Amino acid sequence: MTMPLPRLPFARPNVLDLAPLYAVLRREAPLTKVRTPAGDPAWLVTAFEETREIFADRRFGLSHPEPERAAKISRAAMFAGPLGSFEDERRRHERMRRLLAPAFTPGRMRALADRIQELTDRCLDDLQAAHDAAPGEPVNLHELLAFPLPVLVICELLGVPAADRDHFRGLSDRISMLDGGADAQAAMAELNAYMARLAEVKRQHPGADVVSDLVAAQAEDPTFGDDEVAFLASILLFAGHETTTTRIDLGVLFLLTDPSRRDAFTADPGNRVRATVEEIVRMAAPGGVGQPRYAHEDVQIGGVTIARGDAVLIASTAANRDGAIFADPDEFDPDRAPTGHLGFGHGAHFCLGANLARAELRTVFVALFSRFPDLRLAVDVEKLESRSNRFTGGVDDVPVLW
């Protein structure tokens, strides 16, 4: 009797613990067959070495040689299936990285550091104001810090009016719904249309921002069309805040679920923040789907043949808890020796925004725990609900007291 394939997303004990099935599947093989949230078959990679290998292998991409026959990942608008043209994916990807790399250099991030600090302090003022308005009542850190800060920062980097952040929030929620369907696609179209209008404004009135840079690049490359500019800006806006938001939320939870962790960090936040942030990025597992790729030719990896056109889901969150690489992989330990986690990807697909994310996270955790060293959770972490119906996962509520 053939057993049915396990279907993503897998059940998990709470918002911090990974679904136990990942470890079970990794013990069987580095790559195993599963079903996507849409019900189609795909390879799931859970082992560190094979995950790293697939990230770096140019034979895997976001496009598909026969898109009409490709496995569907979900009914969300983001990474629901193949993306882009199979014939020129590599050229477009290289162009994108070339255009965006200057915006995310360490030097650019250092120049942005004071502004990130200013925006962080403003959010912490809002936390304090909410606390003062209702002393003794929990304050939702997600609502007042983890969500607004990354949005403010990415809007500033892109040149998007921060006043529109609530509008983007609604669109982002709809775009990432795993069963969003037509509504998710409508939200994505609305975001693209907004970015197209913004690009036209920047064409007339350029500024020191990424959208202005993209518009300027069109003058040198006639194949870089308006639709691509709008779509690329939309992806940056969506990805640039969602991933950092979830890591702020989950990082706070990791520190507050064990008072000794919090106390160790608050005793010396300036010196402990870099290692603590890296451990947060390694451990945080907000989503339960993985990053999709499609094989552009037959590939042998992990003892199996992945056929041309097969879908592969990269579970980097599971790879980051591979016991073959990390001692006590499920333990949050900022004192562990650096091992090169895959929280920002690897190779050609290493996250361009890694420097920005690190700058934000380091600023946030130092500022938050310096100002509120007695911060504590208002409820047990087991009672917090994971947004399992979203591609990006995460939580909507981080109730804290001090």
Protein backbone atom coordinates (compact mmCIF):
# COMPACT_ATOMS: atom_id res chain seq x y z
CA MET A 1 0.00 0.00 0.00
CA THR A 2 1.39 3.40 -0.99
CA MET A 3 1.31 5.99 1.77
CA PRO A 4 -0.03 9.43 0.83
CA LEU A 5 2.58 12.15 0.54
CA PRO A 6 2.73 14.56 3.49
CA ARG A 7 1.26 17.94 2.63
CA LEU A 8 2.68 21.33 3.52
CA PRO A 9 2.45 23.29 5.74
CA PHE A 10 3.17 20.73 8.47
CA ALA A 11 1.68 20.98 11.96
CA ARG A 12 4.01 22.57 14.50
CA PRO A 13 3.87 22.66 18.32
CA ASN A 14 4.11 26.44 18.58
CA VAL A 15 5.43 29.52 16.76
CA LEU A 16 9.05 28.89 17.79
CA ASP A 17 9.40 25.14 17.32
CA LEU A 18 9.80 23.64 13.88
CA ALA A 19 7.32 21.01 12.72
CA PRO A 20 8.71 17.64 13.97
CA LEU A 21 8.02 16.07 10.58
CA TYR A 22 10.98 17.93 9.05
CA ALA A 23 13.42 16.00 11.24
CA VAL A 24 11.61 12.74 10.50
CA LEU A 25 11.89 13.32 6.75
CA ARG A 26 15.56 14.37 7.02
CA ARG A 27 16.37 11.08 8.73
CA GLU A 28 14.83 9.25 5.77
CA ALA A 29 16.67 11.21 3.06
CA PRO A 30 17.94 14.74 2.36
CA LEU A 31 15.22 15.13 -0.29
CA THR A 32 11.76 13.59 -0.03
CA LYS A 33 8.53 13.86 -1.99
CA VAL A 34 5.72 15.96 -0.48
CA ARG A 35 2.64 17.79 -1.65
CA THR A 36 2.53 21.55 -1.86
CA PRO A 37 -0.29 23.53 -0.21
CA ALA A 38 -1.91 23.51 -3.66
CA GLY A 39 -1.80 19.69 -3.67
CA ASP A 40 0.84 19.15 -6.35
CA PRO A 41 3.95 16.93 -5.86
CA ALA A 42 7.32 18.49 -5.12
CA TRP A 43 10.71 17.59 -3.69
CA LEU A 44 11.35 18.94 -0.19
CA VAL A 45 14.99 19.45 0.78
CA THR A 46 15.63 19.50 4.54
CA ALA A 47 19.34 18.69 4.92
CA PHE A 48 21.93 21.48 5.15
CA GLU A 49 24.46 20.35 2.55
CA GLU A 50 21.87 19.61 -0.12
CA THR A 51 20.03 22.86 0.62
CA ARG A 52 23.26 24.79 0.19
CA GLU A 53 23.99 22.89 -3.02
CA ILE A 54 20.59 23.66 -4.55
CA PHE A 55 20.79 27.34 -3.63
CA ALA A 56 24.08 27.57 -5.57
CA ASP A 57 23.13 25.35 -8.52
CA ARG A 58 22.23 27.37 -11.62
CA ARG A 59 20.23 24.41 -12.93
CA PHE A 60 17.43 25.43 -10.56
CA GLY A 61 15.39 28.57 -11.07
CA LEU A 62 12.09 30.32 -10.46
CA SER A 63 11.00 29.82 -14.08
CA HIS A 64 9.83 26.56 -15.67
CA PRO A 65 10.63 25.03 -19.07
CA GLU A 66 6.90 24.31 -19.59
CA PRO A 67 4.99 26.70 -17.28
CA GLU A 68 1.58 25.27 -18.13
CA ARG A 69 2.69 21.89 -16.74
CA ALA A 70 4.47 23.20 -13.64
CA ALA A 71 3.49 22.13 -10.14
CA LYS A 72 1.58 24.84 -8.30
CA ILE A 73 2.90 25.80 -4.89
CA SER A 74 -0.15 27.57 -3.47
CA ARG A 75 -2.92 30.02 -4.37
CA ALA A 76 -1.01 32.99 -2.99
CA ALA A 77 0.11 35.73 -5.37
CA MET A 78 3.77 35.46 -4.39
CA PHE A 79 5.72 32.37 -5.51
CA ALA A 80 2.53 30.43 -6.24
CA GLY A 81 4.10 28.88 -9.33
CA PRO A 82 6.73 29.59 -12.00
CA LEU A 83 7.96 33.15 -12.25
CA GLY A 84 9.46 34.87 -15.26
CA SER A 85 10.73 33.66 -18.60
CA PHE A 86 12.62 30.38 -18.83
CA GLU A 87 14.68 31.62 -21.77
CA ASP A 88 16.20 34.66 -20.06
CA GLU A 89 15.81 34.10 -16.31
CA ARG A 90 19.56 34.18 -15.68
CA ARG A 91 20.05 37.41 -17.63
CA ARG A 92 17.19 39.13 -15.82
CA HIS A 93 18.38 37.86 -12.44
CA GLU A 94 21.91 39.12 -13.04
CA ARG A 95 20.56 42.49 -14.18
CA MET A 96 18.39 42.75 -11.08
CA ARG A 97 21.32 42.08 -8.76
CA ARG A 98 23.55 44.49 -10.65
CA LEU A 99 20.95 47.25 -10.40
CA LEU A 100 20.10 46.69 -6.75
CA ALA A 101 23.50 45.85 -5.29
CA PRO A 102 24.54 49.52 -4.77
CA ALA A 103 21.43 50.13 -2.63
CA PHE A 104 22.34 47.38 -0.16
CA THR A 105 26.09 47.74 0.28
CA PRO A 106 27.54 47.89 3.82
CA GLY A 107 28.46 51.53 3.15
CA ARG A 108 24.88 52.41 2.19
CA MET A 109 23.64 50.65 5.30
CA ARG A 110 26.06 52.59 7.49
CA ALA A 111 24.77 55.80 5.94
CA LEU A 112 21.22 54.67 6.75
CA ALA A 113 22.09 53.66 10.33
CA ASP A 114 21.14 56.96 11.97
CA ARG A 115 17.77 56.96 10.23
CA ILE A 116 17.08 53.37 11.30
CA GLN A 117 17.91 54.37 14.88
CA GLU A 118 15.60 57.38 14.66
CA LEU A 119 12.71 55.30 13.33
CA THR A 120 13.34 52.62 15.97
CA ASP A 121 13.24 55.19 18.76
CA ARG A 122 9.99 56.54 17.38
CA CYS A 123 8.43 53.06 17.50
CA LEU A 124 9.70 52.54 21.06
CA ASP A 125 8.07 55.85 22.01
CA ASP A 126 4.81 54.43 20.68
CA LEU A 127 5.32 51.31 22.82
CA GLN A 128 5.83 53.46 25.89
CA ALA A 129 2.79 55.61 25.07
CA ALA A 130 0.58 52.52 24.76
CA HIS A 131 1.92 51.25 28.10
CA ASP A 132 1.28 54.61 29.78
CA ALA A 133 -2.26 54.82 28.39
CA ALA A 134 -3.21 51.50 30.00
CA PRO A 135 -0.73 50.60 32.78
CA GLY A 136 -0.66 46.90 33.55
CA GLU A 137 -2.25 45.94 30.24
CA PRO A 138 -0.28 44.00 27.60
CA VAL A 139 1.16 45.97 24.70
CA ASN A 140 1.29 44.36 21.25
CA LEU A 141 4.94 44.64 20.21
CA HIS A 142 4.13 43.30 16.74
CA GLU A 143 1.71 46.15 16.07
CA LEU A 144 3.88 48.96 17.41
CA LEU A 145 7.43 47.85 16.52
CA ALA A 146 7.93 44.65 14.52
CA PHE A 147 5.52 45.57 11.74
CA PRO A 148 5.86 49.36 11.36
CA LEU A 149 9.65 49.66 11.61
CA PRO A 150 10.64 47.50 8.60
CA VAL A 151 7.87 49.13 6.56
CA LEU A 152 9.16 52.61 7.40
CA VAL A 153 12.73 51.60 6.54
CA ILE A 154 11.93 49.89 3.21
CA CYS A 155 9.63 52.77 2.21
CA GLU A 156 12.46 55.19 2.86
CA LEU A 157 14.92 53.10 0.85
CA LEU A 158 12.53 52.71 -2.09
CA GLY A 159 11.21 56.25 -2.02
CA VAL A 160 7.66 55.23 -1.09
CA PRO A 161 5.58 57.64 1.02
CA ALA A 162 5.43 56.20 4.54
CA ALA A 163 1.86 57.51 4.80
CA ASP A 164 0.83 54.65 2.49
CA ARG A 165 2.09 51.94 4.86
CA ASP A 166 -1.37 50.87 6.06
CA HIS A 167 -2.44 50.45 2.45
CA PHE A 168 0.56 48.21 1.82
CA ARG A 169 -0.19 46.20 4.93
CA GLY A 170 -3.59 45.21 3.59
CA LEU A 171 -2.14 44.35 0.20
CA SER A 172 0.69 42.29 1.73
CA ASP A 173 -1.74 40.28 3.82
CA ARG A 174 -3.86 39.48 0.78
CA ILE A 175 -0.88 38.72 -1.46
CA SER A 176 0.59 36.13 0.94
CA MET A 177 -2.61 34.18 1.69
CA LEU A 178 -1.91 30.56 0.69
CA ASP A 179 -5.51 30.15 -0.47
CA GLY A 180 -5.92 33.73 -1.65
CA GLY A 181 -6.61 32.89 -5.29
CA ALA A 182 -8.18 35.67 -7.34
CA ASP A 183 -8.15 38.13 -4.45
CA ALA A 184 -4.41 37.60 -3.89
CA GLN A 185 -3.77 38.17 -7.59
CA ALA A 186 -5.92 41.31 -7.52
CA ALA A 187 -3.90 42.63 -4.57
CA MET A 188 -0.65 41.93 -6.44
CA ALA A 189 -1.97 43.74 -9.50
CA GLU A 190 -2.94 46.71 -7.32
CA LEU A 191 0.53 46.84 -5.79
CA ASN A 192 2.16 46.67 -9.22
CA ALA A 193 -0.11 49.46 -10.46
CA TYR A 194 0.84 51.60 -7.47
CA MET A 195 4.52 51.03 -8.13
CA ALA A 196 4.07 51.87 -11.81
CA ARG A 197 2.52 55.21 -10.83
CA LEU A 198 5.34 55.84 -8.37
CA ALA A 199 7.93 55.07 -11.06
CA GLU A 200 6.32 57.68 -13.29
CA VAL A 201 6.52 60.23 -10.48
CA LYS A 202 10.21 59.39 -9.97
CA ARG A 203 10.80 59.73 -13.70
CA GLN A 204 9.69 63.35 -13.44
CA HIS A 205 11.11 64.02 -9.97
CA PRO A 206 13.98 61.59 -9.20
CA GLY A 207 15.33 61.24 -5.69
CA ALA A 208 18.04 59.34 -3.81
CA ASP A 209 16.06 56.12 -3.68
CA VAL A 210 15.85 52.69 -5.31
CA VAL A 211 12.80 53.34 -7.50
CA SER A 212 14.56 56.40 -8.96
CA ASP A 213 17.62 54.22 -9.60
CA LEU A 214 15.49 51.64 -11.43
CA VAL A 215 13.86 54.29 -13.58
CA ALA A 216 17.27 55.76 -14.44
CA ALA A 217 18.50 52.30 -15.47
CA GLN A 218 15.80 52.13 -18.15
CA ALA A 219 17.59 54.83 -20.11
CA GLU A 220 20.55 52.50 -20.53
CA ASP A 221 18.60 49.28 -21.16
CA PRO A 222 15.59 49.50 -23.49
CA THR A 223 14.60 45.91 -22.61
CA PHE A 224 14.00 46.96 -18.98
CA GLY A 225 10.29 47.70 -19.32
CA ASP A 226 7.88 49.57 -17.06
CA ASP A 227 6.13 46.35 -16.02
CA GLU A 228 9.42 44.86 -14.84
CA VAL A 229 10.32 48.00 -12.89
CA ALA A 230 6.93 47.95 -11.15
CA PHE A 231 7.10 44.23 -10.40
CA LEU A 232 10.66 44.42 -9.07
CA ALA A 233 9.76 47.36 -6.82
CA SER A 234 6.71 45.45 -5.57
CA ILE A 235 8.82 42.40 -4.71
CA LEU A 236 11.30 44.58 -2.81
CA LEU A 237 8.55 46.29 -0.84
CA PHE A 238 6.88 42.99 0.05
CA ALA A 239 10.02 41.00 0.87
CA GLY A 240 11.81 43.94 2.44
CA HIS A 241 9.43 44.22 5.35
CA GLU A 242 7.76 40.81 5.77
CA THR A 243 10.92 38.84 6.54
CA THR A 244 12.36 41.41 8.94
CA THR A 245 9.03 41.78 10.73
CA THR A 246 8.84 38.06 11.45
CA ARG A 247 12.43 37.96 12.71
CA ILE A 248 11.83 40.83 15.13
CA ASP A 249 8.73 39.09 16.47
CA LEU A 250 10.31 35.66 16.78
CA GLY A 251 13.61 37.04 18.08
CA VAL A 252 11.79 38.79 20.91
CA LEU A 253 9.95 35.56 21.68
CA PHE A 254 13.19 33.54 21.72
CA LEU A 255 14.69 35.96 24.25
CA LEU A 256 11.60 36.29 26.43
CA THR A 257 10.68 32.61 26.69
CA ASP A 258 13.77 32.08 28.83
CA PRO A 259 14.48 34.87 31.36
CA SER A 260 18.13 33.83 31.56
CA ARG A 261 18.52 34.53 27.83
CA ARG A 262 16.95 37.93 28.22
CA ASP A 263 19.09 38.76 31.23
CA ALA A 264 22.29 37.66 29.51
CA PHE A 265 21.46 39.86 26.53
CA THR A 266 20.38 42.92 28.52
CA ALA A 267 23.58 42.71 30.59
CA ASP A 268 25.66 43.59 27.51
CA PRO A 269 23.47 44.18 24.44
CA GLY A 270 26.10 46.07 22.45
CA ASN A 271 28.59 43.20 22.52
CA ARG A 272 26.07 40.37 22.31
CA VAL A 273 23.81 41.67 19.56
CA ARG A 274 25.71 40.40 16.50
CA ALA A 275 25.82 36.78 17.62
CA THR A 276 22.27 36.97 18.98
CA VAL A 277 20.92 38.28 15.68
CA GLU A 278 22.66 35.51 13.75
CA GLU A 279 21.10 32.92 16.03
CA ILE A 280 17.69 34.54 15.59
CA VAL A 281 18.09 34.35 11.81
CA ARG A 282 19.20 30.70 12.05
CA MET A 283 16.37 29.66 14.36
CA ALA A 284 13.43 31.74 13.14
CA ALA A 285 10.99 29.62 11.13
CA PRO A 286 8.07 31.89 10.31
CA GLY A 287 6.71 30.19 7.17
CA GLY A 288 5.91 26.57 6.52
CA VAL A 289 6.20 26.24 2.75
CA GLY A 290 9.83 26.79 1.77
CA GLN A 291 11.36 28.63 -1.16
CA PRO A 292 10.29 27.21 -4.53
CA ARG A 293 12.57 26.30 -7.40
CA TYR A 294 12.11 24.32 -10.62
CA ALA A 295 14.72 22.04 -12.17
CA HIS A 296 15.81 23.32 -15.58
CA GLU A 297 17.32 19.94 -16.46
CA ASP A 298 17.71 16.52 -14.86
CA VAL A 299 19.83 16.89 -11.71
CA GLN A 300 21.32 14.30 -9.35
CA ILE A 301 21.33 15.54 -5.74
CA GLY A 302 21.14 13.72 -2.43
CA GLY A 303 20.96 10.31 -4.07
CA VAL A 304 17.86 11.09 -6.17
CA THR A 305 17.25 12.29 -9.71
CA ILE A 306 15.25 15.49 -9.85
CA ALA A 307 13.68 15.49 -13.30
CA ARG A 308 13.58 18.52 -15.57
CA GLY A 309 10.57 20.60 -14.54
CA ASP A 310 10.19 19.10 -11.06
CA ALA A 311 9.36 21.51 -8.26
CA VAL A 312 11.76 21.73 -5.32
CA LEU A 313 10.91 23.42 -2.02
CA ILE A 314 13.96 24.63 -0.12
CA ALA A 315 13.25 24.33 3.61
CA SER A 316 16.16 26.45 4.78
CA THR A 317 14.56 26.68 8.22
CA ALA A 318 14.85 22.90 8.51
CA ALA A 319 18.38 22.91 7.08
CA ASN A 320 19.38 25.42 9.75
CA ARG A 321 18.45 22.82 12.36
CA ASP A 322 20.37 19.95 10.81
CA GLY A 323 22.19 18.12 13.62
CA ALA A 324 24.95 17.10 11.21
CA ILE A 325 25.99 20.78 11.10
CA PHE A 326 24.74 22.35 14.33
CA ALA A 327 25.24 20.96 17.82
CA ASP A 328 21.92 20.88 19.70
CA PRO A 329 20.27 22.36 16.60
CA ASP A 330 16.92 23.11 18.24
CA GLU A 331 18.48 25.06 21.11
CA PHE A 332 18.70 28.84 20.90
CA ASP A 333 22.35 29.47 21.67
CA PRO A 334 23.87 32.83 20.67
CA ASP A 335 27.22 31.64 22.04
CA ARG A 336 27.58 28.87 19.46
CA ALA A 337 30.53 29.07 17.09
CA PRO A 338 29.66 30.58 13.69
CA THR A 339 28.75 27.89 11.18
CA GLY A 340 27.31 29.79 8.23
CA HIS A 341 23.53 29.38 8.50
CA LEU A 342 21.31 29.60 5.42
CA GLY A 343 18.87 32.14 6.81
CA PHE A 344 19.76 34.54 3.99
CA GLY A 345 20.19 31.88 1.32
CA HIS A 346 23.46 31.11 -0.44
CA GLY A 347 25.31 31.63 -3.69
CA ALA A 348 23.64 33.49 -6.54
CA HIS A 349 20.46 33.68 -4.47
CA PHE A 350 22.03 35.06 -1.31
CA CYS A 351 19.63 37.73 -0.10
CA LEU A 352 20.52 41.18 -1.39
CA GLY A 353 18.83 42.70 1.64
CA ALA A 354 20.88 40.78 4.21
CA ASN A 355 22.90 43.87 5.16
CA LEU A 356 19.70 45.88 5.62
CA ALA A 357 18.04 43.16 7.69
CA ARG A 358 21.09 42.81 9.93
CA ALA A 359 21.31 46.58 10.39
CA GLU A 360 17.65 46.76 11.41
CA LEU A 361 17.76 43.74 13.71
CA ARG A 362 20.93 44.85 15.49
CA THR A 363 19.50 48.33 16.03
CA VAL A 364 16.13 47.04 17.22
CA PHE A 365 17.37 44.52 19.77
CA VAL A 366 19.92 46.85 21.35
CA ALA A 367 17.43 49.71 21.57
CA LEU A 368 14.49 47.61 22.76
CA PHE A 369 16.26 45.80 25.58
CA SER A 370 18.30 48.81 26.64
CA ARG A 371 15.13 50.81 27.07
CA PHE A 372 12.96 47.99 28.45
CA PRO A 373 15.31 45.55 30.22
CA ASP A 374 12.43 44.04 32.22
CA LEU A 375 10.36 43.21 29.16
CA ARG A 376 8.41 39.97 29.55
CA LEU A 377 5.73 38.02 27.74
CA ALA A 378 2.15 38.53 28.90
CA VAL A 379 1.05 35.01 27.82
CA ASP A 380 2.63 31.62 27.39
CA VAL A 381 4.18 31.20 23.94
CA GLU A 382 2.02 28.10 23.41
CA LYS A 383 -1.02 30.38 23.26
CA LEU A 384 0.28 32.48 20.38
CA GLU A 385 -1.13 31.56 16.99
CA SER A 386 1.06 31.14 13.95
CA ARG A 387 -0.14 32.64 10.69
CA SER A 388 -0.02 29.24 9.01
CA ASN A 389 -2.28 30.44 6.20
CA ARG A 390 0.33 32.96 5.00
CA PHE A 391 3.30 32.28 2.77
CA THR A 392 5.50 34.33 5.09
CA GLY A 393 4.02 32.91 8.32
CA GLY A 394 4.82 34.76 11.52
CA VAL A 395 2.44 36.05 14.19
CA ASP A 396 0.02 38.94 14.58
CA ASP A 397 0.37 39.37 18.33
CA VAL A 398 3.37 39.60 20.66
CA PRO A 399 1.84 40.78 23.96
CA VAL A 400 4.45 42.16 26.34
CA LEU A 401 4.58 43.76 29.78
CA TRP A 402 7.25 45.63 31.75
